[in-house]
Structures are given as C-alpha cells and as structure tokens.
C-alpha cells in the first residue's frame, strides 16, 4: 500500500509543477487577473493562451516536442531524451533554442508587436 501512496504523491507533485510552469508562462504574456472578474481580463487571458498556441505552432516539431515535454508536461531532460530516442545534449540544445524563442515571442507580444495582439 505504501507504493500507492508514493505513486499518488508523485503524480500530484508532477501535476502541481506542470500547473506552476503553465501559470508562469501565461504571466510572461499577460499579467495575473485581478480578484474581481473582469471581461477585459478574461479576453486578455484568452488572447494570451492563443498567443502561446500560436508560438507552439511556429516551432519546428522537434523543438516543440522537447519544449512541451519539458516546460508544459514537466519531464526531465534525461526522460525526454529517452522518450524521443535522442541524445541528452540534443534535448538541451533544442530546449535552449525554444525557450529563447519563447522569451522573444513573449516580449514582442507584450510590446504590441505580436501578430496575435489586438
């Protein structure tokens, strides 16, 4: 029965980590919502989610897979390398490029230069 506890604990921990990463990425594009529901904020959140989806669609499939597995699903680089059947350094390289591109995309989006802004 102890194994079930550890398995559940690990699953919940992975879920929380994934949710935290997702929230941090959304905050890069849009500030956190206020406590009072605001239709403009809701629209802004939808636009931010749309922007993230647009960014992902622009990445080549290899970088997108690594970025999603690491920064969205919370997998470790060694686990990604094993799952994709590539070298660990390849994972790190693809992830670095994808993160750099995401930062540039988020910055352009915030500055009003993003193609899905407005």
N, C-alpha and C. Protein backbone atom coordinates (compact mmCIF):
# COMPACT_ATOMS: atom_id res chain seq x y z
N UNK A 1 0.82 -1.18 0.00
CA UNK A 1 0.00 0.00 0.00
C UNK A 1 0.87 1.26 0.00
N UNK A 2 2.08 1.17 0.53
CA UNK A 2 2.97 2.31 0.55
C UNK A 2 3.32 2.75 -0.86
N UNK A 3 3.46 1.81 -1.77
CA UNK A 3 3.78 2.14 -3.16
C UNK A 3 2.69 2.99 -3.79
N UNK A 4 1.43 2.74 -3.41
CA UNK A 4 0.31 3.50 -3.95
C UNK A 4 0.38 4.95 -3.45
N UNK A 5 0.71 5.11 -2.19
CA UNK A 5 0.86 6.46 -1.63
C UNK A 5 1.95 7.22 -2.38
N UNK A 6 3.10 6.59 -2.58
CA UNK A 6 4.22 7.24 -3.27
C UNK A 6 3.88 7.55 -4.72
N UNK A 7 3.20 6.64 -5.37
CA UNK A 7 2.79 6.86 -6.75
C UNK A 7 1.82 8.05 -6.84
N UNK A 8 0.84 8.10 -5.95
CA UNK A 8 -0.12 9.20 -5.93
C UNK A 8 0.57 10.50 -5.60
N UNK A 9 1.44 10.48 -4.64
CA UNK A 9 2.18 11.69 -4.25
C UNK A 9 3.00 12.22 -5.42
N UNK A 10 3.67 11.34 -6.13
CA UNK A 10 4.47 11.74 -7.29
C UNK A 10 3.61 12.31 -8.41
N UNK A 11 2.46 11.71 -8.64
CA UNK A 11 1.55 12.19 -9.68
C UNK A 11 1.04 13.58 -9.34
N UNK A 12 0.63 13.79 -8.12
CA UNK A 12 0.14 15.10 -7.69
C UNK A 12 1.26 16.13 -7.77
N UNK A 13 2.44 15.75 -7.36
CA UNK A 13 3.58 16.66 -7.43
C UNK A 13 3.87 17.07 -8.87
N UNK A 14 3.84 16.12 -9.79
CA UNK A 14 4.06 16.43 -11.21
C UNK A 14 2.97 17.35 -11.74
N UNK A 15 1.72 17.11 -11.34
CA UNK A 15 0.61 17.95 -11.78
C UNK A 15 0.79 19.38 -11.29
N UNK A 16 1.16 19.54 -10.04
CA UNK A 16 1.36 20.90 -9.49
C UNK A 16 2.50 21.60 -10.20
N UNK A 17 3.60 20.91 -10.44
CA UNK A 17 4.74 21.51 -11.13
C UNK A 17 4.34 21.95 -12.53
N UNK A 18 3.59 21.11 -13.23
CA UNK A 18 3.14 21.43 -14.57
C UNK A 18 2.23 22.66 -14.54
N UNK A 19 1.33 22.73 -13.58
CA UNK A 19 0.42 23.87 -13.46
C UNK A 19 1.20 25.14 -13.15
N UNK A 20 2.19 25.05 -12.29
CA UNK A 20 3.02 26.22 -11.97
C UNK A 20 3.76 26.72 -13.19
N UNK A 21 4.32 25.82 -13.97
CA UNK A 21 5.04 26.22 -15.19
C UNK A 21 4.10 26.89 -16.17
N UNK A 22 2.92 26.31 -16.33
CA UNK A 22 1.93 26.88 -17.24
C UNK A 22 1.56 28.30 -16.80
N UNK A 23 1.34 28.48 -15.52
CA UNK A 23 0.96 29.80 -14.98
C UNK A 23 2.09 30.81 -15.19
N UNK A 24 3.33 30.41 -14.98
CA UNK A 24 4.46 31.33 -15.20
C UNK A 24 4.54 31.76 -16.66
N UNK A 25 4.28 30.85 -17.58
CA UNK A 25 4.33 31.20 -19.00
C UNK A 25 3.21 32.16 -19.37
N UNK A 26 2.04 31.95 -18.82
CA UNK A 26 0.94 32.87 -19.10
C UNK A 26 1.23 34.26 -18.54
N UNK A 27 1.90 34.32 -17.38
CA UNK A 27 2.25 35.62 -16.80
C UNK A 27 3.27 36.36 -17.63
N UNK A 28 4.08 35.65 -18.41
CA UNK A 28 5.03 36.32 -19.29
C UNK A 28 4.31 37.15 -20.35
N UNK A 29 3.16 36.69 -20.75
CA UNK A 29 2.40 37.36 -21.81
C UNK A 29 1.35 38.31 -21.23
N UNK A 30 0.67 37.90 -20.18
CA UNK A 30 -0.38 38.74 -19.60
C UNK A 30 -0.22 38.77 -18.08
N UNK A 31 -0.46 39.93 -17.47
CA UNK A 31 -0.37 40.00 -16.01
C UNK A 31 -1.45 39.14 -15.36
N UNK A 32 -1.26 38.76 -14.09
CA UNK A 32 -2.26 37.92 -13.42
C UNK A 32 -3.59 38.67 -13.30
N UNK A 33 -4.70 37.94 -13.34
CA UNK A 33 -6.01 38.58 -13.25
C UNK A 33 -6.27 39.15 -11.87
N UNK A 34 -7.11 40.17 -11.80
CA UNK A 34 -7.49 40.76 -10.51
C UNK A 34 -8.49 39.83 -9.83
N UNK A 35 -8.78 40.12 -8.56
CA UNK A 35 -9.69 39.29 -7.79
C UNK A 35 -11.13 39.41 -8.31
N UNK A 36 -11.47 40.57 -8.86
CA UNK A 36 -12.82 40.79 -9.38
C UNK A 36 -12.86 40.33 -10.84
N UNK A 37 -13.84 39.49 -11.18
CA UNK A 37 -13.93 39.06 -12.58
C UNK A 37 -14.08 40.26 -13.50
N UNK A 38 -13.30 40.28 -14.54
CA UNK A 38 -13.28 41.40 -15.47
C UNK A 38 -13.31 40.84 -16.89
N UNK A 39 -14.31 41.21 -17.67
CA UNK A 39 -14.40 40.68 -19.03
C UNK A 39 -13.16 41.00 -19.87
N UNK A 40 -12.57 42.18 -19.65
CA UNK A 40 -11.36 42.54 -20.40
C UNK A 40 -10.20 41.61 -20.03
N UNK A 41 -10.10 41.30 -18.75
CA UNK A 41 -9.04 40.38 -18.30
C UNK A 41 -9.26 38.99 -18.88
N UNK A 42 -10.51 38.57 -18.91
CA UNK A 42 -10.83 37.25 -19.48
C UNK A 42 -10.41 37.21 -20.95
N UNK A 43 -10.75 38.26 -21.67
CA UNK A 43 -10.37 38.35 -23.08
C UNK A 43 -8.84 38.34 -23.22
N UNK A 44 -8.17 39.05 -22.32
CA UNK A 44 -6.70 39.10 -22.34
C UNK A 44 -6.10 37.72 -22.09
N UNK A 45 -6.69 36.97 -21.16
CA UNK A 45 -6.22 35.61 -20.89
C UNK A 45 -6.42 34.71 -22.09
N UNK A 46 -7.57 34.85 -22.74
CA UNK A 46 -7.82 34.05 -23.94
C UNK A 46 -6.82 34.40 -25.04
N UNK A 47 -6.52 35.67 -25.18
CA UNK A 47 -5.53 36.09 -26.17
C UNK A 47 -4.15 35.55 -25.83
N UNK A 48 -3.81 35.55 -24.54
CA UNK A 48 -2.51 35.02 -24.12
C UNK A 48 -2.42 33.53 -24.44
N UNK A 49 -3.48 32.79 -24.13
CA UNK A 49 -3.49 31.35 -24.44
C UNK A 49 -3.39 31.13 -25.95
N UNK A 50 -4.07 31.97 -26.70
CA UNK A 50 -3.99 31.89 -28.16
C UNK A 50 -2.58 32.19 -28.65
N UNK A 51 -1.93 33.16 -28.01
CA UNK A 51 -0.56 33.51 -28.38
C UNK A 51 0.39 32.35 -28.12
N UNK A 52 0.22 31.68 -26.98
CA UNK A 52 1.07 30.53 -26.67
C UNK A 52 0.85 29.43 -27.70
N UNK A 53 -0.40 29.20 -28.05
CA UNK A 53 -0.70 28.19 -29.07
C UNK A 53 -0.08 28.58 -30.41
N UNK A 54 -0.13 29.88 -30.75
CA UNK A 54 0.48 30.34 -31.99
C UNK A 54 2.00 30.13 -31.95
N UNK A 55 2.60 30.46 -30.81
CA UNK A 55 4.04 30.25 -30.68
C UNK A 55 4.39 28.78 -30.91
N UNK A 56 3.66 27.89 -30.26
CA UNK A 56 3.93 26.46 -30.39
C UNK A 56 3.77 25.99 -31.83
N UNK A 57 2.80 26.55 -32.53
CA UNK A 57 2.59 26.14 -33.92
C UNK A 57 3.72 26.60 -34.83
N UNK A 58 4.47 27.61 -34.42
CA UNK A 58 5.57 28.13 -35.23
C UNK A 58 6.89 27.40 -35.00
N UNK A 59 6.97 26.64 -33.92
CA UNK A 59 8.19 25.88 -33.64
C UNK A 59 8.25 24.66 -34.54
N UNK A 60 9.47 24.29 -34.93
CA UNK A 60 9.59 23.06 -35.70
C UNK A 60 9.22 21.89 -34.77
N UNK A 61 8.77 20.78 -35.32
CA UNK A 61 8.26 19.68 -34.50
C UNK A 61 9.23 19.15 -33.45
N UNK A 62 10.53 19.10 -33.76
CA UNK A 62 11.50 18.58 -32.80
C UNK A 62 11.62 19.49 -31.58
N UNK A 63 11.73 20.79 -31.81
CA UNK A 63 11.84 21.73 -30.69
C UNK A 63 10.53 21.82 -29.92
N UNK A 64 9.44 21.77 -30.65
CA UNK A 64 8.13 21.84 -29.99
C UNK A 64 7.95 20.65 -29.05
N UNK A 65 8.29 19.47 -29.50
CA UNK A 65 8.14 18.28 -28.66
C UNK A 65 8.95 18.41 -27.38
N UNK A 66 10.19 18.85 -27.50
CA UNK A 66 11.05 19.00 -26.32
C UNK A 66 10.50 20.08 -25.40
N UNK A 67 10.09 21.22 -25.96
CA UNK A 67 9.56 22.33 -25.18
C UNK A 67 8.29 21.91 -24.42
N UNK A 68 7.38 21.25 -25.11
CA UNK A 68 6.14 20.81 -24.46
C UNK A 68 6.41 19.77 -23.38
N UNK A 69 7.26 18.80 -23.68
CA UNK A 69 7.54 17.75 -22.69
C UNK A 69 8.22 18.32 -21.46
N UNK A 70 9.11 19.27 -21.65
CA UNK A 70 9.84 19.84 -20.52
C UNK A 70 9.03 20.90 -19.79
N UNK A 71 8.65 21.94 -20.51
CA UNK A 71 8.10 23.12 -19.85
C UNK A 71 6.59 23.07 -19.65
N UNK A 72 5.91 22.20 -20.32
CA UNK A 72 4.47 22.09 -20.12
C UNK A 72 4.14 20.83 -19.33
N UNK A 73 4.76 19.70 -19.73
CA UNK A 73 4.47 18.44 -19.04
C UNK A 73 5.39 18.19 -17.84
N UNK A 74 6.48 18.93 -17.74
CA UNK A 74 7.35 18.81 -16.58
C UNK A 74 8.31 17.63 -16.59
N UNK A 75 8.58 17.06 -17.74
CA UNK A 75 9.51 15.93 -17.81
C UNK A 75 10.95 16.43 -17.70
N UNK A 76 11.81 15.59 -17.17
CA UNK A 76 13.23 15.92 -17.08
C UNK A 76 13.90 15.71 -18.45
N UNK A 77 15.01 16.37 -18.65
CA UNK A 77 15.74 16.25 -19.92
C UNK A 77 16.16 14.80 -20.19
N UNK A 78 16.70 14.07 -19.19
CA UNK A 78 17.04 12.67 -19.46
C UNK A 78 15.83 11.83 -19.87
N UNK A 79 14.68 12.07 -19.24
CA UNK A 79 13.48 11.31 -19.59
C UNK A 79 13.02 11.66 -21.01
N UNK A 80 13.15 12.93 -21.38
CA UNK A 80 12.78 13.36 -22.74
C UNK A 80 13.70 12.70 -23.76
N UNK A 81 15.00 12.69 -23.47
CA UNK A 81 15.96 12.07 -24.38
C UNK A 81 15.62 10.60 -24.61
N UNK A 82 15.28 9.92 -23.52
CA UNK A 82 14.93 8.51 -23.64
C UNK A 82 13.63 8.33 -24.42
N UNK A 83 12.63 9.16 -24.12
CA UNK A 83 11.33 9.03 -24.77
C UNK A 83 11.41 9.32 -26.27
N UNK A 84 12.23 10.30 -26.64
CA UNK A 84 12.34 10.67 -28.05
C UNK A 84 13.44 9.92 -28.79
N UNK A 85 14.27 9.21 -28.05
CA UNK A 85 15.35 8.46 -28.67
C UNK A 85 16.45 9.35 -29.24
N UNK A 86 16.75 10.46 -28.53
CA UNK A 86 17.81 11.37 -28.97
C UNK A 86 18.82 11.53 -27.85
N UNK A 87 19.96 12.12 -28.18
CA UNK A 87 20.99 12.35 -27.18
C UNK A 87 20.55 13.45 -26.22
N UNK A 88 21.05 13.36 -24.98
CA UNK A 88 20.71 14.33 -23.95
C UNK A 88 21.11 15.75 -24.37
N UNK A 89 22.28 15.91 -24.95
CA UNK A 89 22.71 17.24 -25.39
C UNK A 89 21.80 17.81 -26.48
N UNK A 90 21.23 16.94 -27.28
CA UNK A 90 20.27 17.39 -28.30
C UNK A 90 19.04 17.97 -27.63
N UNK A 91 18.57 17.32 -26.58
CA UNK A 91 17.42 17.82 -25.83
C UNK A 91 17.74 19.20 -25.25
N UNK A 92 18.90 19.33 -24.60
CA UNK A 92 19.27 20.62 -24.01
C UNK A 92 19.38 21.71 -25.08
N UNK A 93 19.93 21.38 -26.21
CA UNK A 93 20.09 22.36 -27.29
C UNK A 93 18.73 22.81 -27.82
N UNK A 94 17.86 21.86 -28.10
CA UNK A 94 16.53 22.19 -28.62
C UNK A 94 15.73 23.00 -27.60
N UNK A 95 15.86 22.63 -26.35
CA UNK A 95 15.13 23.32 -25.29
C UNK A 95 15.63 24.77 -25.14
N UNK A 96 16.95 24.95 -25.20
CA UNK A 96 17.51 26.30 -25.07
C UNK A 96 17.00 27.19 -26.20
N UNK A 97 17.03 26.70 -27.42
CA UNK A 97 16.57 27.48 -28.57
C UNK A 97 15.08 27.79 -28.43
N UNK A 98 14.28 26.79 -28.06
CA UNK A 98 12.83 27.00 -27.92
C UNK A 98 12.52 28.02 -26.83
N UNK A 99 13.22 27.95 -25.71
CA UNK A 99 13.00 28.91 -24.62
C UNK A 99 13.42 30.32 -25.04
N UNK A 100 14.53 30.43 -25.73
CA UNK A 100 14.97 31.75 -26.23
C UNK A 100 13.92 32.33 -27.17
N UNK A 101 13.40 31.51 -28.04
CA UNK A 101 12.37 31.98 -28.98
C UNK A 101 11.08 32.34 -28.25
N UNK A 102 10.75 31.59 -27.20
CA UNK A 102 9.54 31.92 -26.44
C UNK A 102 9.71 33.27 -25.74
N UNK A 103 10.88 33.50 -25.14
CA UNK A 103 11.12 34.79 -24.47
C UNK A 103 11.00 35.94 -25.47
N UNK A 104 11.58 35.77 -26.65
CA UNK A 104 11.50 36.82 -27.68
C UNK A 104 10.06 37.01 -28.13
N UNK A 105 9.34 35.91 -28.32
CA UNK A 105 7.93 35.98 -28.73
C UNK A 105 7.10 36.69 -27.66
N UNK A 106 7.30 36.33 -26.39
CA UNK A 106 6.54 36.94 -25.30
C UNK A 106 6.84 38.42 -25.19
N UNK A 107 8.09 38.78 -25.36
CA UNK A 107 8.48 40.19 -25.30
C UNK A 107 7.83 40.99 -26.43
N UNK A 108 7.86 40.44 -27.64
CA UNK A 108 7.24 41.11 -28.78
C UNK A 108 5.74 41.21 -28.58
N UNK A 109 5.14 40.18 -28.02
CA UNK A 109 3.70 40.18 -27.78
C UNK A 109 3.32 41.28 -26.78
N UNK A 110 4.08 41.35 -25.68
CA UNK A 110 3.80 42.38 -24.66
C UNK A 110 3.99 43.79 -25.22
N UNK A 111 4.95 43.94 -26.10
CA UNK A 111 5.23 45.26 -26.68
C UNK A 111 4.28 45.62 -27.81
N UNK A 112 3.35 44.73 -28.12
CA UNK A 112 2.37 45.01 -29.15
C UNK A 112 2.82 44.65 -30.54
N UNK A 113 3.94 43.96 -30.65
CA UNK A 113 4.45 43.57 -31.97
C UNK A 113 4.02 42.15 -32.35
N UNK A 114 3.42 41.43 -31.40
CA UNK A 114 3.00 40.05 -31.67
C UNK A 114 1.87 40.04 -32.68
N UNK A 115 1.90 39.09 -33.58
CA UNK A 115 0.91 39.07 -34.67
C UNK A 115 -0.48 38.67 -34.18
N UNK A 116 -0.61 38.18 -32.93
CA UNK A 116 -1.97 37.88 -32.48
C UNK A 116 -2.39 38.87 -31.41
N UNK A 117 -1.70 40.02 -31.31
CA UNK A 117 -2.06 41.06 -30.35
C UNK A 117 -3.10 41.97 -30.95
N UNK A 118 -4.16 42.24 -30.19
CA UNK A 118 -5.17 43.18 -30.62
C UNK A 118 -6.06 42.54 -31.58
